[in-house]
C-alpha atoms as a PDB file:
ATOM      1  CA  MET A   1       4.441 -15.869 -17.229  1.00  0.00           C
ATOM      2  CA  ARG A   2       4.453 -16.768 -13.557  1.00  0.00           C
ATOM      3  CA  GLU A   3       1.128 -16.894 -11.742  1.00  0.00           C
ATOM      4  CA  MET A   4       0.274 -16.565  -8.071  1.00  0.00           C
ATOM      5  CA  TYR A   5       0.648 -19.596  -5.837  1.00  0.00           C
ATOM      6  CA  PRO A   6      -2.561 -21.474  -4.945  1.00  0.00           C
ATOM      7  CA  GLU A   7      -4.936 -20.176  -2.305  1.00  0.00           C
ATOM      8  CA  ILE A   8      -3.812 -20.804   1.239  1.00  0.00           C
ATOM      9  CA  ASP A   9      -5.279 -20.357   4.704  1.00  0.00           C
ATOM     10  CA  PRO A  10      -3.373 -19.005   7.714  1.00  0.00           C
ATOM     11  CA  TYR A  11      -1.911 -21.554  10.090  1.00  0.00           C
ATOM     12  CA  GLN A  12      -2.125 -18.981  12.890  1.00  0.00           C
ATOM     13  CA  THR A  13      -3.767 -15.604  13.565  1.00  0.00           C
ATOM     14  CA  HIS A  14      -3.017 -13.106  16.305  1.00  0.00           C
ATOM     15  CA  ARG A  15      -4.629 -10.094  17.929  1.00  0.00           C
ATOM     16  CA  MET A  16      -1.727  -7.898  19.041  1.00  0.00           C
ATOM     17  CA  ALA A  17      -2.211  -4.737  21.100  1.00  0.00           C
ATOM     18  CA  VAL A  18       0.440  -2.204  20.063  1.00  0.00           C
ATOM     19  CA  ASP A  19      -0.692   0.579  22.403  1.00  0.00           C
ATOM     20  CA  ALA A  20      -3.631   1.494  24.615  1.00  0.00           C
ATOM     21  CA  ILE A  21      -5.823   2.181  21.564  1.00  0.00           C
ATOM     22  CA  HIS A  22      -4.831  -0.005  18.621  1.00  0.00           C
ATOM     23  CA  THR A  23      -4.966  -3.783  18.270  1.00  0.00           C
ATOM     24  CA  LEU A  24      -3.642  -5.329  15.062  1.00  0.00           C
ATOM     25  CA  ARG A  25      -4.952  -8.411  13.337  1.00  0.00           C
ATOM     26  CA  ILE A  26      -1.995 -10.517  12.136  1.00  0.00           C
ATOM     27  CA  GLU A  27      -1.890 -13.780  10.213  1.00  0.00           C
ATOM     28  CA  GLU A  28       0.856 -16.266   9.421  1.00  0.00           C
ATOM     29  CA  CYS A  29       0.752 -18.554   6.389  1.00  0.00           C
ATOM     30  CA  GLY A  30       2.993 -21.057   4.674  1.00  0.00           C
ATOM     31  CA  ASN A  31       5.910 -22.791   6.387  1.00  0.00           C
ATOM     32  CA  PRO A  32       6.510 -21.821  10.054  1.00  0.00           C
ATOM     33  CA  ALA A  33      10.204 -22.678   9.555  1.00  0.00           C
ATOM     34  CA  GLY A  34      10.466 -20.873   6.217  1.00  0.00           C
ATOM     35  CA  LEU A  35      12.054 -17.602   5.123  1.00  0.00           C
ATOM     36  CA  PRO A  36      10.159 -14.811   6.930  1.00  0.00           C
ATOM     37  CA  VAL A  37       8.455 -12.144   4.828  1.00  0.00           C
ATOM     38  CA  ILE A  38       6.230  -9.257   5.913  1.00  0.00           C
ATOM     39  CA  PHE A  39       3.502  -8.143   3.493  1.00  0.00           C
ATOM     40  CA  LEU A  40       2.576  -4.432   3.659  1.00  0.00           C
ATOM     41  CA  HIS A  41      -0.803  -3.591   2.135  1.00  0.00           C
ATOM     42  CA  GLY A  42      -1.716  -0.425   0.307  1.00  0.00           C
ATOM     43  CA  GLY A  43      -3.939   2.511   0.984  1.00  0.00           C
ATOM     44  CA  PRO A  44      -3.125   3.394   3.667  1.00  0.00           C
ATOM     45  CA  GLY A  45      -6.355   2.039   5.069  1.00  0.00           C
ATOM     46  CA  SER A  46      -7.325  -0.605   2.517  1.00  0.00           C
ATOM     47  CA  GLY A  47      -6.584  -3.701   4.612  1.00  0.00           C
ATOM     48  CA  LEU A  48      -5.676  -7.202   3.503  1.00  0.00           C
ATOM     49  CA  ALA A  49      -7.172  -9.387   0.770  1.00  0.00           C
ATOM     50  CA  THR A  50      -6.794 -13.158   0.677  1.00  0.00           C
ATOM     51  CA  TYR A  51      -4.825 -13.063  -2.601  1.00  0.00           C
ATOM     52  CA  HIS A  52      -2.050 -11.140  -0.832  1.00  0.00           C
ATOM     53  CA  ARG A  53      -0.884 -14.475   0.607  1.00  0.00           C
ATOM     54  CA  ARG A  54      -0.249 -15.880  -2.847  1.00  0.00           C
ATOM     55  CA  PHE A  55       2.874 -14.026  -4.005  1.00  0.00           C
ATOM     56  CA  PHE A  56       5.065 -16.407  -1.994  1.00  0.00           C
ATOM     57  CA  ASP A  57       5.950 -20.095  -2.224  1.00  0.00           C
ATOM     58  CA  PRO A  58       4.147 -21.491   0.860  1.00  0.00           C
ATOM     59  CA  ALA A  59       6.646 -24.346   1.130  1.00  0.00           C
ATOM     60  CA  ARG A  60       9.566 -21.941   1.512  1.00  0.00           C
ATOM     61  CA  TYR A  61       8.128 -18.808   3.130  1.00  0.00           C
ATOM     62  CA  ARG A  62       6.796 -17.936   6.552  1.00  0.00           C
ATOM     63  CA  ILE A  63       4.328 -15.301   5.334  1.00  0.00           C
ATOM     64  CA  VAL A  64       3.342 -12.599   7.844  1.00  0.00           C
ATOM     65  CA  LEU A  65       0.500 -10.235   6.929  1.00  0.00           C
ATOM     66  CA  PHE A  66      -1.313  -7.656   9.042  1.00  0.00           C
ATOM     67  CA  ASP A  67      -4.037  -5.059   8.810  1.00  0.00           C
ATOM     68  CA  GLN A  68      -2.446  -1.694   9.565  1.00  0.00           C
ATOM     69  CA  ARG A  69      -3.869   0.650  12.186  1.00  0.00           C
ATOM     70  CA  GLY A  70      -7.521   1.431  11.516  1.00  0.00           C
ATOM     71  CA  ALA A  71      -7.739  -0.919   8.515  1.00  0.00           C
ATOM     72  CA  GLY A  72      -9.367  -4.266   7.817  1.00  0.00           C
ATOM     73  CA  GLN A  73      -9.906  -6.287  10.986  1.00  0.00           C
ATOM     74  CA  SER A  74      -7.571  -4.218  13.154  1.00  0.00           C
ATOM     75  CA  THR A  75      -9.353  -2.106  15.743  1.00  0.00           C
ATOM     76  CA  PRO A  76     -10.620   0.515  16.244  1.00  0.00           C
ATOM     77  CA  PHE A  77     -11.808   0.702  12.636  1.00  0.00           C
ATOM     78  CA  ALA A  78     -10.878   3.838  10.645  1.00  0.00           C
ATOM     79  CA  ASP A  79      -9.388   5.436  13.763  1.00  0.00           C
ATOM     80  CA  LEU A  80      -6.824   8.202  13.182  1.00  0.00           C
ATOM     81  CA  THR A  81      -5.481   8.508  16.716  1.00  0.00           C
ATOM     82  CA  ASP A  82      -1.718   7.882  16.805  1.00  0.00           C
ATOM     83  CA  ASN A  83      -1.955   6.680  13.225  1.00  0.00           C
ATOM     84  CA  THR A  84       1.101   7.889  11.289  1.00  0.00           C
ATOM     85  CA  THR A  85       3.839   6.412   9.128  1.00  0.00           C
ATOM     86  CA  TRP A  86       6.165   6.217  12.109  1.00  0.00           C
ATOM     87  CA  HIS A  87       3.603   4.475  14.294  1.00  0.00           C
ATOM     88  CA  LEU A  88       3.294   1.853  11.541  1.00  0.00           C
ATOM     89  CA  VAL A  89       7.078   1.497  11.272  1.00  0.00           C
ATOM     90  CA  ALA A  90       7.148   0.880  15.027  1.00  0.00           C
ATOM     91  CA  ASP A  91       4.309  -1.647  14.665  1.00  0.00           C
ATOM     92  CA  ILE A  92       6.300  -3.621  12.106  1.00  0.00           C
ATOM     93  CA  GLU A  93       9.202  -3.826  14.544  1.00  0.00           C
ATOM     94  CA  THR A  94       6.828  -4.890  17.334  1.00  0.00           C
ATOM     95  CA  ILE A  95       5.449  -7.679  15.145  1.00  0.00           C
ATOM     96  CA  ARG A  96       8.952  -8.828  14.224  1.00  0.00           C
ATOM     97  CA  GLU A  97      10.039  -8.941  17.857  1.00  0.00           C
ATOM     98  CA  LYS A  98       6.859 -10.615  19.125  1.00  0.00           C
ATOM     99  CA  LEU A  99       7.113 -13.314  16.448  1.00  0.00           C
ATOM    100  CA  GLY A 100      10.774 -13.954  17.215  1.00  0.00           C
ATOM    101  CA  ILE A 101      12.035 -13.054  13.737  1.00  0.00           C
ATOM    102  CA  GLU A 102      15.612 -11.782  13.409  1.00  0.00           C
ATOM    103  CA  ARG A 103      15.528 -10.586   9.767  1.00  0.00           C
ATOM    104  CA  TRP A 104      12.956 -10.788   7.023  1.00  0.00           C
ATOM    105  CA  VAL A 105      12.024  -9.910   3.462  1.00  0.00           C
ATOM    106  CA  VAL A 106       9.825  -6.812   3.155  1.00  0.00           C
ATOM    107  CA  PHE A 107       7.192  -6.772   0.391  1.00  0.00           C
ATOM    108  CA  GLY A 108       4.975  -3.754  -0.292  1.00  0.00           C
ATOM    109  CA  GLY A 109       2.964  -2.166  -3.084  1.00  0.00           C
ATOM    110  CA  SER A 110       1.554   1.322  -3.595  1.00  0.00           C
ATOM    111  CA  TRP A 111       1.373   2.833  -0.091  1.00  0.00           C
ATOM    112  CA  GLY A 112       2.964  -0.435   1.007  1.00  0.00           C
ATOM    113  CA  SER A 113       6.048   0.498  -1.041  1.00  0.00           C
ATOM    114  CA  THR A 114       6.213   3.818   0.836  1.00  0.00           C
ATOM    115  CA  LEU A 115       5.982   2.049   4.164  1.00  0.00           C
ATOM    116  CA  ALA A 116       8.488  -0.618   3.097  1.00  0.00           C
ATOM    117  CA  LEU A 117      11.046   2.049   2.164  1.00  0.00           C
ATOM    118  CA  ALA A 118      10.447   3.978   5.393  1.00  0.00           C
ATOM    119  CA  TYR A 119      10.812   0.813   7.480  1.00  0.00           C
ATOM    120  CA  ALA A 120      13.903  -0.424   5.641  1.00  0.00           C
ATOM    121  CA  GLN A 121      15.620   2.947   5.926  1.00  0.00           C
ATOM    122  CA  ALA A 122      14.864   3.039   9.659  1.00  0.00           C
ATOM    123  CA  HIS A 123      15.902  -0.602  10.259  1.00  0.00           C
ATOM    124  CA  PRO A 124      18.185  -1.735   7.414  1.00  0.00           C
ATOM    125  CA  GLU A 125      19.807  -4.356   9.627  1.00  0.00           C
ATOM    126  CA  ARG A 126      16.479  -6.228   9.791  1.00  0.00           C
ATOM    127  CA  VAL A 127      15.846  -6.443   6.039  1.00  0.00           C
ATOM    128  CA  LEU A 128      17.019  -9.366   3.874  1.00  0.00           C
ATOM    129  CA  GLY A 129      15.416  -8.110   0.673  1.00  0.00           C
ATOM    130  CA  LEU A 130      12.811  -5.703  -0.687  1.00  0.00           C
ATOM    131  CA  VAL A 131      10.096  -6.318  -3.270  1.00  0.00           C
ATOM    132  CA  LEU A 132       8.382  -3.053  -4.238  1.00  0.00           C
ATOM    133  CA  ARG A 133       5.437  -2.542  -6.583  1.00  0.00           C
ATOM    134  CA  GLY A 134       3.547   0.543  -7.797  1.00  0.00           C
ATOM    135  CA  ILE A 135       5.963   3.038  -6.267  1.00  0.00           C
ATOM    136  CA  PHE A 136       4.514   5.878  -4.207  1.00  0.00           C
ATOM    137  CA  LEU A 137       6.955   8.323  -2.601  1.00  0.00           C
ATOM    138  CA  CYS A 138       4.289  10.582  -1.070  1.00  0.00           C
ATOM    139  CA  ARG A 139       5.606  13.764  -2.656  1.00  0.00           C
ATOM    140  CA  PRO A 140       3.185  16.703  -2.981  1.00  0.00           C
ATOM    141  CA  GLU A 141       3.140  16.440  -6.774  1.00  0.00           C
ATOM    142  CA  GLU A 142       2.097  12.774  -6.558  1.00  0.00           C
ATOM    143  CA  ILE A 143      -0.823  13.625  -4.283  1.00  0.00           C
ATOM    144  CA  ARG A 144      -1.902  16.556  -6.468  1.00  0.00           C
ATOM    145  CA  TRP A 145      -1.711  14.320  -9.558  1.00  0.00           C
ATOM    146  CA  PHE A 146      -4.441  11.992  -8.339  1.00  0.00           C
ATOM    147  CA  TYR A 147      -6.590  14.131  -6.055  1.00  0.00           C
ATOM    148  CA  GLU A 148      -6.646  17.555  -7.717  1.00  0.00           C
ATOM    149  CA  GLU A 149      -7.835  18.745 -11.134  1.00  0.00           C
ATOM    150  CA  GLY A 150      -5.371  18.559 -14.012  1.00  0.00           C
ATOM    151  CA  GLY A 151      -3.610  15.226 -13.484  1.00  0.00           C
ATOM    152  CA  ALA A 152      -5.337  11.844 -13.524  1.00  0.00           C
ATOM    153  CA  SER A 153      -8.599  13.730 -14.081  1.00  0.00           C
ATOM    154  CA  ARG A 154      -7.569  14.317 -17.707  1.00  0.00           C
ATOM    155  CA  ILE A 155      -7.065  10.606 -18.339  1.00  0.00           C
ATOM    156  CA  LEU A 156     -10.279   9.420 -16.639  1.00  0.00           C
ATOM    157  CA  PRO A 157     -12.511  12.478 -17.066  1.00  0.00           C
ATOM    158  CA  GLU A 158     -15.899  10.785 -16.671  1.00  0.00           C
ATOM    159  CA  LYS A 159     -14.763   9.083 -13.461  1.00  0.00           C
ATOM    160  CA  TRP A 160     -13.309  12.359 -12.207  1.00  0.00           C
ATOM    161  CA  GLN A 161     -16.674  14.022 -12.835  1.00  0.00           C
ATOM    162  CA  ARG A 162     -18.291  11.542 -10.459  1.00  0.00           C
ATOM    163  CA  PHE A 163     -15.548  12.127  -7.883  1.00  0.00           C
ATOM    164  CA  ALA A 164     -15.904  15.901  -8.195  1.00  0.00           C
ATOM    165  CA  ALA A 165     -19.707  15.754  -8.070  1.00  0.00           C
ATOM    166  CA  ALA A 166     -19.551  15.035  -4.332  1.00  0.00           C
ATOM    167  CA  ILE A 167     -18.036  18.501  -3.798  1.00  0.00           C
ATOM    168  CA  PRO A 168     -19.749  21.861  -4.536  1.00  0.00           C
ATOM    169  CA  PRO A 169     -18.119  23.737  -7.455  1.00  0.00           C
ATOM    170  CA  GLU A 170     -16.859  26.527  -5.226  1.00  0.00           C
ATOM    171  CA  GLU A 171     -14.794  24.048  -3.180  1.00  0.00           C
ATOM    172  CA  ARG A 172     -13.252  22.054  -6.022  1.00  0.00           C
ATOM    173  CA  GLY A 173     -10.036  24.085  -6.083  1.00  0.00           C
ATOM    174  CA  GLU A 174      -8.864  22.081  -3.043  1.00  0.00           C
ATOM    175  CA  MET A 175     -10.427  18.653  -3.346  1.00  0.00           C
ATOM    176  CA  MET A 176      -8.384  17.053  -0.574  1.00  0.00           C
ATOM    177  CA  GLU A 177      -9.512  19.626   1.978  1.00  0.00           C
ATOM    178  CA  ALA A 178     -13.107  19.529   0.750  1.00  0.00           C
ATOM    179  CA  TYR A 179     -13.209  15.760   1.134  1.00  0.00           C
ATOM    180  CA  TRP A 180     -11.478  15.941   4.509  1.00  0.00           C
ATOM    181  CA  ARG A 181     -14.261  18.153   5.865  1.00  0.00           C
ATOM    182  CA  ARG A 182     -16.913  15.713   4.718  1.00  0.00           C
ATOM    183  CA  LEU A 183     -15.045  12.623   5.908  1.00  0.00           C
ATOM    184  CA  ASN A 184     -15.077  14.174   9.381  1.00  0.00           C
ATOM    185  CA  SER A 185     -18.652  15.444   9.296  1.00  0.00           C
ATOM    186  CA  ASP A 186     -20.920  14.925  12.292  1.00  0.00           C
ATOM    187  CA  ASP A 187     -23.449  13.484   9.834  1.00  0.00           C
ATOM    188  CA  GLU A 188     -22.834   9.770   9.253  1.00  0.00           C
ATOM    189  CA  ALA A 189     -24.557   9.865   5.860  1.00  0.00           C
ATOM    190  CA  VAL A 190     -22.265  12.675   4.691  1.00  0.00           C
ATOM    191  CA  ARG A 191     -19.185  10.752   5.851  1.00  0.00           C
ATOM    192  CA  LEU A 192     -20.281   7.576   4.066  1.00  0.00           C
ATOM    193  CA  ALA A 193     -21.183   9.347   0.811  1.00  0.00           C
ATOM    194  CA  ALA A 194     -17.803  11.068   0.692  1.00  0.00           C
ATOM    195  CA  ALA A 195     -15.957   7.847   1.510  1.00  0.00           C
ATOM    196  CA  GLN A 196     -17.782   5.884  -1.174  1.00  0.00           C
ATOM    197  CA  ALA A 197     -17.097   8.543  -3.823  1.00  0.00           C
ATOM    198  CA  TRP A 198     -13.429   8.504  -2.808  1.00  0.00           C
ATOM    199  CA  GLY A 199     -13.296   4.699  -2.934  1.00  0.00           C
ATOM    200  CA  ALA A 200     -15.013   4.561  -6.317  1.00  0.00           C
ATOM    201  CA  TRP A 201     -12.503   7.033  -7.793  1.00  0.00           C
ATOM    202  CA  GLU A 202      -9.565   4.958  -6.551  1.00  0.00           C
ATOM    203  CA  GLY A 203     -11.097   1.578  -7.368  1.00  0.00           C
ATOM    204  CA  GLY A 204     -12.084   2.778 -10.823  1.00  0.00           C
ATOM    205  CA  SER A 205      -8.510   3.889 -11.548  1.00  0.00           C
ATOM    206  CA  ILE A 206      -6.520   0.935 -10.296  1.00  0.00           C
ATOM    207  CA  THR A 207      -6.646  -1.572 -13.176  1.00  0.00           C
ATOM    208  CA  LEU A 208      -5.499  -1.298 -16.768  1.00  0.00           C
ATOM    209  CA  GLU A 209      -8.745  -2.819 -18.028  1.00  0.00           C
ATOM    210  CA  GLU A 210     -12.147  -1.718 -16.744  1.00  0.00           C
ATOM    211  CA  SER A 211     -13.196  -3.614 -13.620  1.00  0.00           C
ATOM    212  CA  PRO A 212     -16.617  -2.627 -12.250  1.00  0.00           C
ATOM    213  CA  GLU A 213     -16.179  -5.297  -9.562  1.00  0.00           C
ATOM    214  CA  THR A 214     -13.000  -3.637  -8.265  1.00  0.00           C
ATOM    215  CA  GLU A 215     -14.635  -0.211  -8.267  1.00  0.00           C
ATOM    216  CA  ALA A 216     -17.629  -1.574  -6.346  1.00  0.00           C
ATOM    217  CA  SER A 217     -15.347  -3.274  -3.831  1.00  0.00           C
ATOM    218  CA  PHE A 218     -13.436  -0.063  -3.112  1.00  0.00           C
ATOM    219  CA  ALA A 219     -16.735   1.816  -2.740  1.00  0.00           C
ATOM    220  CA  SER A 220     -18.150  -0.684  -0.238  1.00  0.00           C
ATOM    221  CA  PRO A 221     -18.513   0.770   3.280  1.00  0.00           C
ATOM    222  CA  GLU A 222     -16.213  -1.818   4.861  1.00  0.00           C
ATOM    223  CA  ILE A 223     -13.318  -0.610   2.670  1.00  0.00           C
ATOM    224  CA  ALA A 224     -14.239   2.955   1.708  1.00  0.00           C
ATOM    225  CA  LEU A 225     -14.624   4.355   5.223  1.00  0.00           C
ATOM    226  CA  SER A 226     -11.164   3.374   6.419  1.00  0.00           C
ATOM    227  CA  LEU A 227      -9.496   3.926   3.042  1.00  0.00           C
ATOM    228  CA  ALA A 228     -10.792   7.462   2.533  1.00  0.00           C
ATOM    229  CA  ARG A 229     -10.339   8.710   6.102  1.00  0.00           C
ATOM    230  CA  ILE A 230      -6.869   7.260   6.588  1.00  0.00           C
ATOM    231  CA  GLU A 231      -5.601   8.215   3.132  1.00  0.00           C
ATOM    232  CA  ALA A 232      -6.793  11.798   3.514  1.00  0.00           C
ATOM    233  CA  HIS A 233      -5.280  11.942   6.999  1.00  0.00           C
ATOM    234  CA  TYR A 234      -1.900  10.710   5.739  1.00  0.00           C
ATOM    235  CA  PHE A 235      -1.790  12.699   2.518  1.00  0.00           C
ATOM    236  CA  ARG A 236      -2.719  16.007   4.189  1.00  0.00           C
ATOM    237  CA  HIS A 237       0.429  15.494   6.290  1.00  0.00           C
ATOM    238  CA  GLN A 238       2.650  14.252   3.405  1.00  0.00           C
ATOM    239  CA  CYS A 239       2.806  10.976   5.345  1.00  0.00           C
ATOM    240  CA  TRP A 240       5.002  12.657   7.987  1.00  0.00           C
ATOM    241  CA  LEU A 241       7.988  12.472   5.652  1.00  0.00           C
ATOM    242  CA  GLU A 242      10.516  15.209   5.025  1.00  0.00           C
ATOM    243  CA  PRO A 243      10.722  16.474   1.422  1.00  0.00           C
ATOM    244  CA  ASP A 244      12.165  13.732  -0.818  1.00  0.00           C
ATOM    245  CA  GLN A 245      13.128  11.758   2.301  1.00  0.00           C
ATOM    246  CA  LEU A 246      12.704   8.310   0.763  1.00  0.00           C
ATOM    247  CA  LEU A 247      14.925   9.183  -2.208  1.00  0.00           C
ATOM    248  CA  ARG A 248      17.449  11.049  -0.052  1.00  0.00           C
ATOM    249  CA  ASP A 249      17.926   8.063   2.259  1.00  0.00           C
ATOM    250  CA  VAL A 250      18.253   5.325  -0.373  1.00  0.00           C
ATOM    251  CA  ALA A 251      21.966   5.195   0.481  1.00  0.00           C
ATOM    252  CA  LYS A 252      21.005   3.426   3.715  1.00  0.00           C
ATOM    253  CA  ILE A 253      19.542   0.467   1.825  1.00  0.00           C
ATOM    254  CA  ARG A 254      21.416   0.283  -1.483  1.00  0.00           C
ATOM    255  CA  HIS A 255      23.207  -2.865  -0.309  1.00  0.00           C
ATOM    256  CA  ILE A 256      19.914  -4.743   0.150  1.00  0.00           C
ATOM    257  CA  PRO A 257      18.721  -6.948  -2.764  1.00  0.00           C
ATOM    258  CA  ALA A 258      15.649  -5.261  -4.236  1.00  0.00           C
ATOM    259  CA  THR A 259      13.146  -5.559  -7.062  1.00  0.00           C
ATOM    260  CA  ILE A 260      11.049  -2.632  -8.301  1.00  0.00           C
ATOM    261  CA  VAL A 261       8.098  -3.255 -10.633  1.00  0.00           C
ATOM    262  CA  HIS A 262       5.710  -0.625 -11.955  1.00  0.00           C
ATOM    263  CA  GLY A 263       2.905  -0.546 -14.496  1.00  0.00           C
ATOM    264  CA  ARG A 264       3.586   1.603 -17.549  1.00  0.00           C
ATOM    265  CA  TYR A 265      -0.047   2.767 -17.534  1.00  0.00           C
ATOM    266  CA  ASP A 266      -0.438   3.231 -13.791  1.00  0.00           C
ATOM    267  CA  ILE A 267      -2.915   6.111 -13.352  1.00  0.00           C
ATOM    268  CA  ILE A 268      -2.698   6.339  -9.558  1.00  0.00           C
ATOM    269  CA  CYS A 269       1.100   6.341  -9.258  1.00  0.00           C
ATOM    270  CA  PRO A 270       2.742   7.459 -12.517  1.00  0.00           C
ATOM    271  CA  ALA A 271       5.765   5.509 -13.740  1.00  0.00           C
ATOM    272  CA  LYS A 272       8.000   8.521 -13.083  1.00  0.00           C
ATOM    273  CA  ASN A 273       7.864   7.611  -9.384  1.00  0.00           C
ATOM    274  CA  ALA A 274       9.543   4.282 -10.089  1.00  0.00           C
ATOM    275  CA  VAL A 275      12.065   5.826 -12.480  1.00  0.00           C
ATOM    276  CA  ASP A 276      13.006   8.402  -9.843  1.00  0.00           C
ATOM    277  CA  LEU A 277      13.545   5.627  -7.296  1.00  0.00           C
ATOM    278  CA  HIS A 278      15.618   3.546  -9.692  1.00  0.00           C
ATOM    279  CA  THR A 279      17.723   6.588 -10.624  1.00  0.00           C
ATOM    280  CA  ALA A 280      18.606   6.918  -6.941  1.00  0.00           C
ATOM    281  CA  TRP A 281      19.006   3.142  -6.620  1.00  0.00           C
ATOM    282  CA  PRO A 282      20.531   1.785  -9.852  1.00  0.00           C
ATOM    283  CA  GLU A 283      21.475  -1.536  -8.227  1.00  0.00           C
ATOM    284  CA  ALA A 284      17.810  -2.499  -7.817  1.00  0.00           C
ATOM    285  CA  ASP A 285      16.289  -4.933 -10.314  1.00  0.00           C
ATOM    286  CA  PHE A 286      13.933  -2.644 -12.236  1.00  0.00           C
ATOM    287  CA  HIS A 287      10.888  -3.493 -14.370  1.00  0.00           C
ATOM    288  CA  ILE A 288       8.356  -1.339 -16.210  1.00  0.00           C
ATOM    289  CA  VAL A 289       5.596  -3.648 -17.470  1.00  0.00           C
ATOM    290  CA  VAL A 290       2.391  -3.357 -19.474  1.00  0.00           C
ATOM    291  CA  ALA A 291      -0.068  -2.951 -16.625  1.00  0.00           C
ATOM    292  CA  GLY A 292      -1.921  -0.438 -14.508  1.00  0.00           C
ATOM    293  CA  HIS A 293      -1.572  -0.099 -10.734  1.00  0.00           C
ATOM    294  CA  ALA A 294      -3.114  -3.289  -9.359  1.00  0.00           C
ATOM    295  CA  ALA A 295      -0.876  -5.969  -7.878  1.00  0.00           C
ATOM    296  CA  SER A 296      -3.132  -8.627  -9.406  1.00  0.00           C
ATOM    297  CA  GLU A 297      -2.403  -7.703 -13.050  1.00  0.00           C
ATOM    298  CA  PRO A 298      -0.612 -10.545 -14.877  1.00  0.00           C
ATOM    299  CA  ALA A 299       2.551  -8.689 -15.899  1.00  0.00           C
ATOM    300  CA  ILE A 300       3.036  -7.411 -12.350  1.00  0.00           C
ATOM    301  CA  VAL A 301       2.306 -10.803 -10.782  1.00  0.00           C
ATOM    302  CA  ASP A 302       4.920 -12.357 -13.071  1.00  0.00           C
ATOM    303  CA  VAL A 303       7.713 -10.068 -11.814  1.00  0.00           C
ATOM    304  CA  LEU A 304       6.634 -10.206  -8.168  1.00  0.00           C
ATOM    305  CA  VAL A 305       6.541 -14.000  -8.011  1.00  0.00           C
ATOM    306  CA  GLN A 306       9.871 -14.294  -9.815  1.00  0.00           C
ATOM    307  CA  ALA A 307      11.349 -11.840  -7.295  1.00  0.00           C
ATOM    308  CA  THR A 308      10.104 -13.724  -4.238  1.00  0.00           C
ATOM    309  CA  ASP A 309      11.287 -17.013  -5.738  1.00  0.00           C
ATOM    310  CA  ARG A 310      14.775 -15.566  -6.291  1.00  0.00           C
ATOM    311  CA  LEU A 311      14.988 -14.427  -2.693  1.00  0.00           C
ATOM    312  CA  ALA A 312      13.869 -17.857  -1.531  1.00  0.00           C
ATOM    313  CA  ASP A 313      16.562 -19.422  -3.751  1.00  0.00           C
ATOM    314  CA  ARG A 314      19.120 -17.091  -2.192  1.00  0.00           C
ATOM    315  CA  TYR A 315      18.252 -17.591   1.465  1.00  0.00           C
ATOM    316  CA  CYS A 316      16.650 -21.032   1.726  1.00  0.00           C
END
């Protein structure tokens, strides 16, 4: 099985103001003359991790990564002002133009797959290829599955109990709204407690095998606050997408080379999401593998690295 490429440091970082409020932190790695690729992180709101640089051959790729609005080292932290799917799509285009890139590969997992599809469907002429992992189409049933009683709660009941414990019993019929109220409380301690419970639920669900370290990372204040606030903000608005928009508009991108990989035992984004996308897009290279949701799981890494290598073979 293929493994990630070795650790690599950026050769350049940028602070790019995209409006009067938001400034994005952007990094470039690999070969400045290589095949351009944009990496779209998950969440929304989780920010970058250093291993995200390692899905690409650094000798052949110009790897562009950025913290999306409100996430990671972009500022202001956890801010929801003018923070929507379509603002992020516009940001991707701004980055492309500012970096002087004509066309590029688009790589995204989980929420990043949502954003990658939205961007590609808005700007198909700018996309050389798509690599999509852990498909999330932001449909109401997908959001209910993970954040309301009766879906993922039945598979991870003891973890759901801890997630639900942050909310009084009388409010548990609408967990998203109950959390939203607390994530926007005037009391900083209430906001942090809600964010950490939210982060622990997501971090505790993301890997096939138990990973207390991952759960603790997602529950840390520097990740949980932006992750919980921005995710709740997006999901309460169905990510500003029309019903089934990403499936409806696949026709705009069916000509683009694409790989879809999804974990069979993904608790956060059930495999049906990926099957629905592949049904609409039969030309895409499609893989269901023995894994959970995390991009770092070996079977998922194997497919992702093979996919980026094939695109490099094609275009380099």
